[in-house]
Amino acid sequence: MVVGSSIKLPHFATYVSDSESYVQIMKLIMGSKALIDLSENNYYDSGILNMCYSIGLPIISNNHIKLA
């Protein structure tokens, strides 16, 4: 699952806008094997990342807020 990106994705990735409904985001998270979150804003508290972290979903992100 790729959040908030407009890049061309490979066939195995699913794009989801960060403004999708909570129900749609949860369905995608529960069916995902990993989350990729690459953003120009790389220091923010993300509810989507927090949810994925809490269920143990592998995350690839340039978000630095959890590093401190």
Protein backbone atom coordinates (compact mmCIF):
# COMPACT_ATOMS: atom_id res chain seq x y z
CA MET A 1 0.00 0.00 0.00
CA VAL A 2 1.38 3.40 -0.97
CA VAL A 3 -0.01 6.46 0.83
CA GLY A 4 -0.29 9.95 -0.64
CA SER A 5 1.91 9.52 -3.71
CA SER A 6 1.21 10.16 -7.36
CA ILE A 7 4.11 8.09 -8.69
CA LYS A 8 3.63 5.27 -11.18
CA LEU A 9 3.22 2.07 -9.19
CA PRO A 10 4.14 -1.52 -9.98
CA HIS A 11 1.25 -3.98 -10.42
CA PHE A 12 1.56 -5.34 -6.85
CA ALA A 13 1.17 -1.93 -5.14
CA THR A 14 -2.09 -0.17 -4.29
CA TYR A 15 -2.29 3.63 -4.11
CA VAL A 16 -4.50 5.18 -1.45
CA SER A 17 -5.05 8.88 -0.89
CA ASP A 18 -4.52 10.09 2.66
CA SER A 19 -7.97 11.68 2.39
CA GLU A 20 -9.80 8.35 1.81
CA SER A 21 -12.48 7.30 4.27
CA TYR A 22 -11.39 5.53 7.46
CA VAL A 23 -13.25 2.37 6.43
CA GLN A 24 -11.49 2.22 3.05
CA ILE A 25 -8.06 2.85 4.61
CA MET A 26 -8.62 0.13 7.23
CA LYS A 27 -9.65 -2.41 4.57
CA LEU A 28 -6.48 -1.67 2.63
CA ILE A 29 -4.25 -1.75 5.72
CA MET A 30 -5.64 -5.11 6.86
CA GLY A 31 -5.04 -6.60 3.39
CA SER A 32 -1.52 -5.18 3.00
CA LYS A 33 1.84 -6.86 3.43
CA ALA A 34 3.68 -3.55 3.96
CA LEU A 35 3.16 0.21 3.88
CA ILE A 36 5.28 2.66 1.89
CA ASP A 37 5.00 6.28 3.02
CA LEU A 38 7.34 8.70 1.24
CA SER A 39 6.47 12.36 1.56
CA GLU A 40 8.03 15.77 1.09
CA ASN A 41 6.93 16.49 4.66
CA ASN A 42 9.10 14.01 6.55
CA TYR A 43 8.49 15.08 10.16
CA TYR A 44 4.82 14.64 11.04
CA ASP A 45 2.68 12.49 13.32
CA SER A 46 0.72 10.20 11.01
CA GLY A 47 -2.33 8.31 12.21
CA ILE A 48 -1.96 5.87 9.33
CA LEU A 49 1.66 5.10 10.29
CA ASN A 50 0.67 4.77 13.95
CA MET A 51 -2.07 2.27 13.07
CA CYS A 52 0.25 0.21 10.86
CA TYR A 53 2.96 0.24 13.52
CA SER A 54 0.51 -0.94 16.19
CA ILE A 55 -0.57 -3.99 14.14
CA GLY A 56 3.02 -4.88 13.21
CA LEU A 57 2.77 -4.05 9.51
CA PRO A 58 6.24 -3.45 7.98
CA ILE A 59 6.70 0.25 7.13
CA ILE A 60 9.03 1.98 4.69
CA SER A 61 8.98 5.72 5.39
CA ASN A 62 11.11 8.84 5.27
CA ASN A 63 9.17 10.18 8.29
CA HIS A 64 11.65 11.07 11.05
CA ILE A 65 9.24 11.81 13.91
CA LYS A 66 9.57 8.32 15.44
CA LEU A 67 13.38 8.42 15.44
CA ALA A 68 13.70 10.88 18.34
